[in-house]
Amino acid sequence: MMIRILAVLSLVAGFLVGGEGTARACKCVAREPAERVRDADAVLAATATRVRVDEPMLDGGRLTATLRADRVFKGPARAEFEVVSRADGAACGFAFTEGTRYLVFARAGDEGLSTSLCSGNEVLEPDGGVPSLLAAGSAPRVSQPPEPALSIAVAVLASIAVVAVAIWASAQSPRQ
């Protein structure tokens, strides 16, 4: 009976230790620059001058970024744009930071221009140029967070150790 209890406890401990990775709900498909340009209604190099959260984080929230464009590749040639996005990255929201320069791919919709984590936006150098959007072989780099392999390995080893100790303790205790 004691072995069963210890085995269950070791499994629970394994899940607790192994489950420390962050949950990610947003999955994006890597697309070529030409596809990102084709699918966007506006493509611009711009600096975020203001970022405000319009809705709380519930259901992904919503933020509005005011962008000062220094170059417009597609869409209306304006000096300033407002772009909306989800406020939470897990809901595919794009996290704009005031003072940072971006290459932004946005779609027109009911709320005006909107973008997401999957639109292909990039951070640009403050005074640098812009990448050649349609250059051959310049597919976007998609960085994925490292898998929690170490956490899983530790959880498995801890579970094995607990079961081994339980078996040893059971063998050492006198039988009734």
N, C-alpha and C. Protein backbone atom coordinates (compact mmCIF):
# COMPACT_ATOMS: atom_id res chain seq x y z
N MET A 1 0.82 -1.19 0.00
CA MET A 1 0.00 0.00 0.00
C MET A 1 0.87 1.27 0.00
N MET A 2 1.93 1.21 0.79
CA MET A 2 2.84 2.35 0.89
C MET A 2 3.51 2.63 -0.44
N ILE A 3 3.82 1.56 -1.18
CA ILE A 3 4.47 1.73 -2.48
C ILE A 3 3.54 2.46 -3.44
N ARG A 4 2.28 2.10 -3.44
CA ARG A 4 1.31 2.75 -4.32
C ARG A 4 1.19 4.24 -4.01
N ILE A 5 1.14 4.56 -2.74
CA ILE A 5 1.04 5.97 -2.34
C ILE A 5 2.27 6.73 -2.79
N LEU A 6 3.44 6.15 -2.57
CA LEU A 6 4.67 6.82 -2.98
C LEU A 6 4.77 6.94 -4.50
N ALA A 7 4.29 5.92 -5.22
CA ALA A 7 4.32 5.98 -6.68
C ALA A 7 3.42 7.10 -7.19
N VAL A 8 2.23 7.24 -6.61
CA VAL A 8 1.31 8.31 -7.01
C VAL A 8 1.91 9.67 -6.68
N LEU A 9 2.50 9.79 -5.50
CA LEU A 9 3.14 11.05 -5.12
C LEU A 9 4.28 11.41 -6.06
N SER A 10 5.06 10.39 -6.46
CA SER A 10 6.17 10.67 -7.37
C SER A 10 5.67 11.11 -8.73
N LEU A 11 4.58 10.55 -9.20
CA LEU A 11 4.00 10.99 -10.48
C LEU A 11 3.51 12.43 -10.38
N VAL A 12 2.84 12.75 -9.29
CA VAL A 12 2.36 14.12 -9.10
C VAL A 12 3.54 15.08 -9.04
N ALA A 13 4.59 14.71 -8.32
CA ALA A 13 5.78 15.57 -8.23
C ALA A 13 6.41 15.73 -9.61
N GLY A 14 6.44 14.67 -10.39
CA GLY A 14 6.98 14.75 -11.74
C GLY A 14 6.21 15.71 -12.62
N PHE A 15 4.89 15.70 -12.53
CA PHE A 15 4.08 16.63 -13.31
C PHE A 15 4.30 18.06 -12.85
N LEU A 16 4.44 18.26 -11.55
CA LEU A 16 4.67 19.61 -11.05
C LEU A 16 6.01 20.16 -11.50
N VAL A 17 7.05 19.35 -11.42
CA VAL A 17 8.39 19.80 -11.82
C VAL A 17 8.46 19.93 -13.34
N GLY A 18 7.91 18.98 -14.07
CA GLY A 18 7.98 19.00 -15.53
C GLY A 18 7.07 20.05 -16.16
N GLY A 19 6.10 20.54 -15.45
CA GLY A 19 5.15 21.48 -16.01
C GLY A 19 5.52 22.92 -15.82
N GLU A 20 6.80 23.22 -15.59
CA GLU A 20 7.17 24.61 -15.32
C GLU A 20 7.36 25.45 -16.56
N GLY A 21 7.30 24.86 -17.76
CA GLY A 21 7.44 25.63 -18.99
C GLY A 21 6.25 26.56 -19.17
N THR A 22 6.44 27.61 -19.96
CA THR A 22 5.35 28.55 -20.17
C THR A 22 4.41 28.02 -21.24
N ALA A 23 3.14 28.28 -21.05
CA ALA A 23 2.13 27.87 -22.01
C ALA A 23 2.09 28.88 -23.15
N ARG A 24 1.97 28.37 -24.34
CA ARG A 24 1.92 29.25 -25.51
C ARG A 24 0.72 28.84 -26.35
N ALA A 25 -0.18 29.77 -26.55
CA ALA A 25 -1.36 29.47 -27.34
C ALA A 25 -1.19 29.93 -28.78
N CYS A 26 -0.31 30.86 -29.03
CA CYS A 26 -0.15 31.43 -30.37
C CYS A 26 0.92 30.67 -31.14
N LYS A 27 0.56 30.13 -32.26
CA LYS A 27 1.50 29.45 -33.15
C LYS A 27 1.43 30.14 -34.50
N CYS A 28 2.57 30.55 -35.01
CA CYS A 28 2.63 31.26 -36.29
C CYS A 28 3.31 30.40 -37.34
N VAL A 29 2.87 30.55 -38.57
CA VAL A 29 3.48 29.86 -39.70
C VAL A 29 4.50 30.81 -40.32
N ALA A 30 5.72 30.33 -40.53
CA ALA A 30 6.75 31.16 -41.16
C ALA A 30 6.36 31.41 -42.62
N ARG A 31 6.44 32.68 -43.01
CA ARG A 31 6.08 33.04 -44.39
C ARG A 31 7.20 33.85 -45.02
N GLU A 32 7.31 33.74 -46.31
CA GLU A 32 8.30 34.51 -47.07
C GLU A 32 7.94 35.99 -47.02
N PRO A 33 8.93 36.87 -47.16
CA PRO A 33 8.65 38.30 -47.15
C PRO A 33 7.61 38.71 -48.21
N ALA A 34 7.66 38.12 -49.38
CA ALA A 34 6.69 38.46 -50.44
C ALA A 34 5.27 38.13 -50.00
N GLU A 35 5.09 37.03 -49.27
CA GLU A 35 3.76 36.66 -48.77
C GLU A 35 3.28 37.66 -47.72
N ARG A 36 4.19 38.09 -46.85
CA ARG A 36 3.82 39.06 -45.82
C ARG A 36 3.38 40.38 -46.44
N VAL A 37 4.10 40.81 -47.48
CA VAL A 37 3.75 42.06 -48.17
C VAL A 37 2.41 41.89 -48.89
N ARG A 38 2.24 40.78 -49.58
CA ARG A 38 1.01 40.53 -50.33
C ARG A 38 -0.22 40.53 -49.41
N ASP A 39 -0.10 39.91 -48.25
CA ASP A 39 -1.24 39.78 -47.34
C ASP A 39 -1.54 41.04 -46.55
N ALA A 40 -0.61 41.99 -46.52
CA ALA A 40 -0.79 43.21 -45.72
C ALA A 40 -1.46 44.30 -46.57
N ASP A 41 -2.22 45.15 -45.89
CA ASP A 41 -2.79 46.33 -46.54
C ASP A 41 -1.88 47.53 -46.36
N ALA A 42 -1.02 47.48 -45.35
CA ALA A 42 -0.05 48.54 -45.10
C ALA A 42 1.26 47.91 -44.63
N VAL A 43 2.36 48.36 -45.21
CA VAL A 43 3.70 47.92 -44.80
C VAL A 43 4.52 49.18 -44.62
N LEU A 44 5.08 49.35 -43.42
CA LEU A 44 5.80 50.58 -43.14
C LEU A 44 6.94 50.37 -42.17
N ALA A 45 7.94 51.24 -42.28
CA ALA A 45 9.01 51.32 -41.29
C ALA A 45 8.64 52.51 -40.42
N ALA A 46 8.49 52.27 -39.13
CA ALA A 46 7.99 53.33 -38.25
C ALA A 46 8.47 53.14 -36.83
N THR A 47 8.46 54.24 -36.10
CA THR A 47 8.84 54.24 -34.69
C THR A 47 7.58 54.39 -33.84
N ALA A 48 7.46 53.55 -32.82
CA ALA A 48 6.31 53.64 -31.91
C ALA A 48 6.49 54.87 -31.02
N THR A 49 5.58 55.82 -31.12
CA THR A 49 5.67 57.03 -30.31
C THR A 49 4.76 56.96 -29.09
N ARG A 50 3.74 56.10 -29.15
CA ARG A 50 2.83 55.93 -28.02
C ARG A 50 2.22 54.54 -28.08
N VAL A 51 2.16 53.87 -26.93
CA VAL A 51 1.52 52.57 -26.84
C VAL A 51 0.59 52.61 -25.64
N ARG A 52 -0.67 52.31 -25.87
CA ARG A 52 -1.63 52.32 -24.76
C ARG A 52 -2.47 51.04 -24.79
N VAL A 53 -2.78 50.54 -23.61
CA VAL A 53 -3.65 49.38 -23.49
C VAL A 53 -5.08 49.89 -23.39
N ASP A 54 -5.89 49.52 -24.39
CA ASP A 54 -7.28 49.98 -24.45
C ASP A 54 -8.22 49.08 -23.67
N GLU A 55 -7.91 47.81 -23.61
CA GLU A 55 -8.74 46.85 -22.89
C GLU A 55 -7.85 46.02 -21.99
N PRO A 56 -8.38 45.57 -20.87
CA PRO A 56 -7.57 44.74 -19.97
C PRO A 56 -7.18 43.43 -20.64
N MET A 57 -6.31 42.68 -19.99
CA MET A 57 -5.76 41.46 -20.56
C MET A 57 -6.77 40.33 -20.74
N LEU A 58 -7.97 40.45 -20.18
CA LEU A 58 -8.96 39.40 -20.36
C LEU A 58 -9.21 39.19 -21.84
N ASP A 59 -9.30 37.95 -22.26
CA ASP A 59 -9.52 37.60 -23.66
C ASP A 59 -8.45 38.19 -24.57
N GLY A 60 -7.25 38.35 -24.10
CA GLY A 60 -6.15 38.84 -24.92
C GLY A 60 -5.96 40.34 -24.89
N GLY A 61 -6.96 41.08 -24.41
CA GLY A 61 -6.86 42.53 -24.34
C GLY A 61 -6.69 43.18 -25.69
N ARG A 62 -6.43 44.47 -25.68
CA ARG A 62 -6.23 45.21 -26.92
C ARG A 62 -5.34 46.40 -26.63
N LEU A 63 -4.40 46.65 -27.52
CA LEU A 63 -3.56 47.84 -27.39
C LEU A 63 -3.56 48.60 -28.70
N THR A 64 -3.27 49.88 -28.60
CA THR A 64 -3.14 50.73 -29.78
C THR A 64 -1.76 51.35 -29.75
N ALA A 65 -1.05 51.23 -30.88
CA ALA A 65 0.27 51.83 -31.01
C ALA A 65 0.18 52.96 -32.03
N THR A 66 0.67 54.13 -31.64
CA THR A 66 0.79 55.24 -32.58
C THR A 66 2.19 55.16 -33.16
N LEU A 67 2.27 55.11 -34.48
CA LEU A 67 3.54 54.90 -35.17
C LEU A 67 3.86 56.09 -36.07
N ARG A 68 5.08 56.61 -35.97
CA ARG A 68 5.56 57.68 -36.84
C ARG A 68 6.35 57.02 -37.96
N ALA A 69 5.80 57.05 -39.17
CA ALA A 69 6.42 56.36 -40.30
C ALA A 69 7.57 57.16 -40.88
N ASP A 70 8.65 56.46 -41.19
CA ASP A 70 9.73 57.12 -41.92
C ASP A 70 9.80 56.59 -43.35
N ARG A 71 9.09 55.49 -43.61
CA ARG A 71 9.00 54.96 -44.96
C ARG A 71 7.77 54.08 -45.07
N VAL A 72 6.97 54.29 -46.13
CA VAL A 72 5.77 53.49 -46.37
C VAL A 72 6.00 52.70 -47.65
N PHE A 73 5.92 51.37 -47.54
CA PHE A 73 6.12 50.51 -48.70
C PHE A 73 4.81 50.17 -49.38
N LYS A 74 3.73 50.12 -48.61
CA LYS A 74 2.42 49.76 -49.14
C LYS A 74 1.37 50.44 -48.28
N GLY A 75 0.32 50.94 -48.91
CA GLY A 75 -0.75 51.59 -48.17
C GLY A 75 -0.66 53.10 -48.30
N PRO A 76 -1.49 53.81 -47.54
CA PRO A 76 -1.52 55.27 -47.64
C PRO A 76 -0.20 55.89 -47.16
N ALA A 77 0.28 56.86 -47.91
CA ALA A 77 1.55 57.52 -47.57
C ALA A 77 1.29 58.61 -46.54
N ARG A 78 1.18 58.19 -45.28
CA ARG A 78 0.95 59.12 -44.17
C ARG A 78 2.17 59.15 -43.28
N ALA A 79 2.24 60.19 -42.48
CA ALA A 79 3.35 60.31 -41.54
C ALA A 79 3.07 59.58 -40.24
N GLU A 80 1.78 59.38 -39.91
CA GLU A 80 1.43 58.75 -38.63
C GLU A 80 0.33 57.72 -38.84
N PHE A 81 0.45 56.61 -38.15
CA PHE A 81 -0.51 55.52 -38.23
C PHE A 81 -0.88 55.09 -36.82
N GLU A 82 -2.10 54.61 -36.67
CA GLU A 82 -2.50 53.92 -35.44
C GLU A 82 -2.78 52.48 -35.82
N VAL A 83 -2.16 51.57 -35.08
CA VAL A 83 -2.29 50.15 -35.36
C VAL A 83 -2.73 49.48 -34.06
N VAL A 84 -3.74 48.62 -34.15
CA VAL A 84 -4.22 47.89 -32.98
C VAL A 84 -3.71 46.45 -33.03
N SER A 85 -3.58 45.87 -31.85
CA SER A 85 -3.15 44.49 -31.70
C SER A 85 -3.71 43.96 -30.39
N ARG A 86 -3.67 42.67 -30.22
CA ARG A 86 -3.99 42.09 -28.93
C ARG A 86 -2.91 42.52 -27.96
N ALA A 87 -3.24 42.64 -26.70
CA ALA A 87 -2.27 43.09 -25.70
C ALA A 87 -1.45 41.93 -25.15
N ASP A 88 -1.91 40.71 -25.37
CA ASP A 88 -1.25 39.53 -24.81
C ASP A 88 -0.61 38.70 -25.92
N GLY A 89 0.66 38.36 -25.75
CA GLY A 89 1.36 37.56 -26.75
C GLY A 89 0.77 36.18 -26.94
N ALA A 90 0.21 35.60 -25.89
CA ALA A 90 -0.41 34.28 -26.01
C ALA A 90 -1.65 34.33 -26.90
N ALA A 91 -2.24 35.52 -27.05
CA ALA A 91 -3.38 35.71 -27.95
C ALA A 91 -2.90 36.27 -29.29
N CYS A 92 -1.63 36.07 -29.59
CA CYS A 92 -0.98 36.53 -30.82
C CYS A 92 -0.85 38.05 -30.89
N GLY A 93 -0.84 38.71 -29.75
CA GLY A 93 -0.65 40.16 -29.74
C GLY A 93 0.80 40.53 -29.97
N PHE A 94 1.02 41.65 -30.64
CA PHE A 94 2.38 42.12 -30.88
C PHE A 94 2.72 43.19 -29.85
N ALA A 95 3.82 43.04 -29.16
CA ALA A 95 4.21 43.94 -28.07
C ALA A 95 5.05 45.09 -28.62
N PHE A 96 4.42 46.21 -28.89
CA PHE A 96 5.14 47.41 -29.30
C PHE A 96 5.75 48.07 -28.06
N THR A 97 6.92 48.70 -28.24
CA THR A 97 7.58 49.44 -27.17
C THR A 97 7.84 50.85 -27.67
N GLU A 98 7.44 51.83 -26.87
CA GLU A 98 7.67 53.22 -27.25
C GLU A 98 9.14 53.48 -27.53
N GLY A 99 9.41 54.20 -28.61
CA GLY A 99 10.78 54.54 -28.98
C GLY A 99 11.48 53.51 -29.84
N THR A 100 10.86 52.37 -30.06
CA THR A 100 11.47 51.32 -30.88
C THR A 100 10.96 51.44 -32.31
N ARG A 101 11.87 51.19 -33.25
CA ARG A 101 11.54 51.27 -34.68
C ARG A 101 11.22 49.87 -35.19
N TYR A 102 10.17 49.76 -36.00
CA TYR A 102 9.69 48.48 -36.48
C TYR A 102 9.44 48.50 -37.99
N LEU A 103 9.47 47.32 -38.57
CA LEU A 103 8.92 47.08 -39.89
C LEU A 103 7.58 46.43 -39.60
N VAL A 104 6.47 47.09 -39.96
CA VAL A 104 5.14 46.66 -39.57
C VAL A 104 4.34 46.21 -40.78
N PHE A 105 3.69 45.07 -40.65
CA PHE A 105 2.77 44.54 -41.66
C PHE A 105 1.38 44.58 -41.01
N ALA A 106 0.47 45.37 -41.58
CA ALA A 106 -0.85 45.54 -40.96
C ALA A 106 -1.97 45.28 -41.97
N ARG A 107 -3.10 44.85 -41.44
CA ARG A 107 -4.29 44.61 -42.25
C ARG A 107 -5.34 45.65 -41.89
N ALA A 108 -6.15 46.05 -42.88
CA ALA A 108 -7.24 46.98 -42.64
C ALA A 108 -8.48 46.18 -42.23
N GLY A 109 -9.20 46.69 -41.25
CA GLY A 109 -10.40 46.02 -40.77
C GLY A 109 -11.35 47.02 -40.14
N ASP A 110 -12.32 46.50 -39.41
CA ASP A 110 -13.32 47.34 -38.76
C ASP A 110 -12.70 48.31 -37.75
N GLU A 111 -11.60 47.88 -37.11
CA GLU A 111 -10.94 48.72 -36.09
C GLU A 111 -9.85 49.60 -36.69
N GLY A 112 -9.73 49.65 -37.99
CA GLY A 112 -8.63 50.35 -38.63
C GLY A 112 -7.54 49.35 -38.95
N LEU A 113 -6.30 49.78 -38.86
CA LEU A 113 -5.18 48.86 -39.12
C LEU A 113 -4.92 47.99 -37.90
N SER A 114 -4.67 46.72 -38.15
CA SER A 114 -4.35 45.80 -37.06
C SER A 114 -3.18 44.93 -37.47
N THR A 115 -2.46 44.45 -36.46
CA THR A 115 -1.33 43.56 -36.69
C THR A 115 -1.30 42.54 -35.58
N SER A 116 -0.46 41.52 -35.76
CA SER A 116 -0.37 40.47 -34.74
C SER A 116 1.05 39.94 -34.70
N LEU A 117 1.27 39.05 -33.78
CA LEU A 117 2.57 38.40 -33.64
C LEU A 117 2.90 37.61 -34.90
N CYS A 118 1.88 37.14 -35.61
CA CYS A 118 2.08 36.32 -36.81
C CYS A 118 2.17 37.13 -38.09
N SER A 119 2.08 38.45 -38.01
CA SER A 119 2.11 39.29 -39.22
C SER A 119 3.51 39.37 -39.83
N GLY A 120 4.53 39.10 -39.04
CA GLY A 120 5.90 39.16 -39.54
C GLY A 120 6.61 40.46 -39.22
N ASN A 121 6.09 41.23 -38.27
CA ASN A 121 6.73 42.49 -37.87
C ASN A 121 8.15 42.23 -37.38
N GLU A 122 9.02 43.20 -37.59
CA GLU A 122 10.42 43.06 -37.16
C GLU A 122 10.88 44.34 -36.47
N VAL A 123 11.79 44.19 -35.51
CA VAL A 123 12.42 45.34 -34.89
C VAL A 123 13.55 45.78 -35.83
N LEU A 124 13.65 47.10 -36.07
CA LEU A 124 14.68 47.65 -36.94
C LEU A 124 15.65 48.49 -36.13
N GLU A 125 16.83 48.70 -36.67
CA GLU A 125 17.80 49.59 -36.05
C GLU A 125 17.24 51.01 -36.05
N PRO A 126 17.48 51.79 -34.99
CA PRO A 126 16.89 53.13 -34.91
C PRO A 126 17.20 54.03 -36.11
N ASP A 127 18.45 54.06 -36.55
CA ASP A 127 18.82 54.93 -37.66
C ASP A 127 19.23 54.14 -38.88
N GLY A 128 18.97 52.85 -38.87
CA GLY A 128 19.39 51.99 -39.97
C GLY A 128 18.40 51.99 -41.12
N GLY A 129 18.76 51.24 -42.12
CA GLY A 129 17.88 51.10 -43.27
C GLY A 129 16.79 50.10 -42.99
N VAL A 130 16.21 49.62 -44.06
CA VAL A 130 15.17 48.61 -43.95
C VAL A 130 15.59 47.42 -44.79
N PRO A 131 15.17 46.23 -44.39
CA PRO A 131 15.57 45.06 -45.17
C PRO A 131 14.88 45.05 -46.53
N SER A 132 15.50 44.42 -47.47
CA SER A 132 14.89 44.25 -48.78
C SER A 132 13.78 43.23 -48.62
N LEU A 133 12.56 43.65 -48.76
CA LEU A 133 11.41 42.79 -48.45
C LEU A 133 11.24 41.62 -49.40
N LEU A 134 11.62 41.79 -50.62
CA LEU A 134 11.36 40.75 -51.60
C LEU A 134 12.62 40.05 -52.08
N ALA A 135 13.71 40.20 -51.37
CA ALA A 135 14.97 39.56 -51.77
C ALA A 135 14.84 38.05 -51.67
N ALA A 136 15.40 37.37 -52.65
CA ALA A 136 15.35 35.91 -52.65
C ALA A 136 16.15 35.37 -51.48
N GLY A 137 15.62 34.35 -50.86
CA GLY A 137 16.34 33.69 -49.78
C GLY A 137 16.32 34.42 -48.47
N SER A 138 15.47 35.41 -48.29
CA SER A 138 15.46 36.15 -47.03
C SER A 138 14.23 35.80 -46.21
N ALA A 139 13.98 34.50 -46.05
CA ALA A 139 12.84 34.05 -45.26
C ALA A 139 13.01 34.50 -43.82
N PRO A 140 11.91 34.83 -43.17
CA PRO A 140 12.03 35.29 -41.78
C PRO A 140 12.52 34.17 -40.87
N ARG A 141 13.31 34.56 -39.89
CA ARG A 141 13.77 33.60 -38.90
C ARG A 141 12.72 33.48 -37.83
N VAL A 142 12.31 32.28 -37.56
CA VAL A 142 11.33 32.03 -36.52
C VAL A 142 12.06 31.44 -35.33
N SER A 143 12.05 32.15 -34.23
CA SER A 143 12.71 31.63 -33.04
C SER A 143 11.65 31.07 -32.10
N GLN A 144 11.82 29.83 -31.75
CA GLN A 144 10.92 29.16 -30.83
C GLN A 144 11.60 29.07 -29.47
N PRO A 145 10.82 29.16 -28.41
CA PRO A 145 11.43 29.01 -27.09
C PRO A 145 11.97 27.60 -26.94
N PRO A 146 13.06 27.44 -26.21
CA PRO A 146 13.61 26.10 -26.04
C PRO A 146 12.61 25.20 -25.33
N GLU A 147 12.59 23.96 -25.76
CA GLU A 147 11.70 22.99 -25.12
C GLU A 147 12.18 22.74 -23.69
N PRO A 148 11.28 22.48 -22.79
CA PRO A 148 11.68 22.26 -21.40
C PRO A 148 12.23 20.86 -21.19
N ALA A 149 13.20 20.45 -22.03
CA ALA A 149 13.76 19.09 -21.95
C ALA A 149 14.43 18.84 -20.61
N LEU A 150 15.15 19.82 -20.10
CA LEU A 150 15.83 19.64 -18.82
C LEU A 150 14.82 19.42 -17.70
N SER A 151 13.73 20.18 -17.70
CA SER A 151 12.71 20.02 -16.66
C SER A 151 12.08 18.63 -16.73
N ILE A 152 11.83 18.16 -17.93
CA ILE A 152 11.22 16.84 -18.08
C ILE A 152 12.20 15.77 -17.60
N ALA A 153 13.47 15.91 -17.96
CA ALA A 153 14.46 14.93 -17.53
C ALA A 153 14.57 14.90 -16.01
N VAL A 154 14.58 16.08 -15.38
CA VAL A 154 14.66 16.15 -13.92
C VAL A 154 13.43 15.49 -13.29
N ALA A 155 12.26 15.73 -13.88
CA ALA A 155 11.03 15.15 -13.33
C ALA A 155 11.06 13.63 -13.43
N VAL A 156 11.52 13.11 -14.56
CA VAL A 156 11.59 11.65 -14.74
C VAL A 156 12.59 11.05 -13.75
N LEU A 157 13.75 11.66 -13.62
CA LEU A 157 14.76 11.15 -12.69
C LEU A 157 14.27 11.22 -11.24
N ALA A 158 13.58 12.30 -10.89
CA ALA A 158 13.05 12.42 -9.53
C ALA A 158 12.00 11.34 -9.27
N SER A 159 11.16 11.07 -10.26
CA SER A 159 10.14 10.02 -10.10
C SER A 159 10.78 8.66 -9.92
N ILE A 160 11.81 8.37 -10.72
CA ILE A 160 12.51 7.09 -10.60
C ILE A 160 13.16 6.97 -9.21
N ALA A 161 13.76 8.07 -8.74
CA ALA A 161 14.41 8.04 -7.42
C ALA A 161 13.38 7.78 -6.32
N VAL A 162 12.23 8.43 -6.40
CA VAL A 162 11.20 8.24 -5.37
C VAL A 162 10.69 6.81 -5.37
N VAL A 163 10.47 6.24 -6.55
CA VAL A 163 10.00 4.86 -6.63
C VAL A 163 11.07 3.91 -6.09
N ALA A 164 12.34 4.17 -6.43
CA ALA A 164 13.42 3.32 -5.93
C ALA A 164 13.51 3.37 -4.41
N VAL A 165 13.38 4.55 -3.84
CA VAL A 165 13.42 4.70 -2.37
C VAL A 165 12.23 3.98 -1.75
N ALA A 166 11.07 4.09 -2.39
CA ALA A 166 9.87 3.42 -1.86
C ALA A 166 10.04 1.91 -1.86
N ILE A 167 10.62 1.37 -2.93
CA ILE A 167 10.84 -0.07 -3.01
C ILE A 167 11.86 -0.50 -1.96
N TRP A 168 12.93 0.26 -1.83
CA TRP A 168 13.95 -0.06 -0.84
C TRP A 168 13.37 -0.01 0.57
N ALA A 169 12.56 1.06 0.85
CA ALA A 169 11.96 1.19 2.18
C ALA A 169 11.00 0.04 2.45
N SER A 170 10.28 -0.38 1.44
CA SER A 170 9.35 -1.49 1.60
C SER A 170 10.09 -2.78 1.91
N ALA A 171 11.22 -2.97 1.26
CA ALA A 171 11.99 -4.19 1.48
C ALA A 171 12.64 -4.21 2.87
N GLN A 172 12.94 -3.03 3.44
CA GLN A 172 13.60 -2.92 4.74
C GLN A 172 12.61 -3.03 5.90
N SER A 173 11.36 -2.70 5.67
CA SER A 173 10.41 -2.71 6.78
C SER A 173 9.97 -4.14 7.07
N PRO A 174 9.75 -4.46 8.37
CA PRO A 174 9.32 -5.81 8.73
C PRO A 174 7.89 -6.08 8.25
N ARG A 175 7.64 -7.29 7.84
CA ARG A 175 6.33 -7.71 7.36
C ARG A 175 5.41 -8.00 8.53
N GLN A 176 4.15 -7.68 8.37
CA GLN A 176 3.19 -7.93 9.46
C GLN A 176 2.40 -9.18 9.21
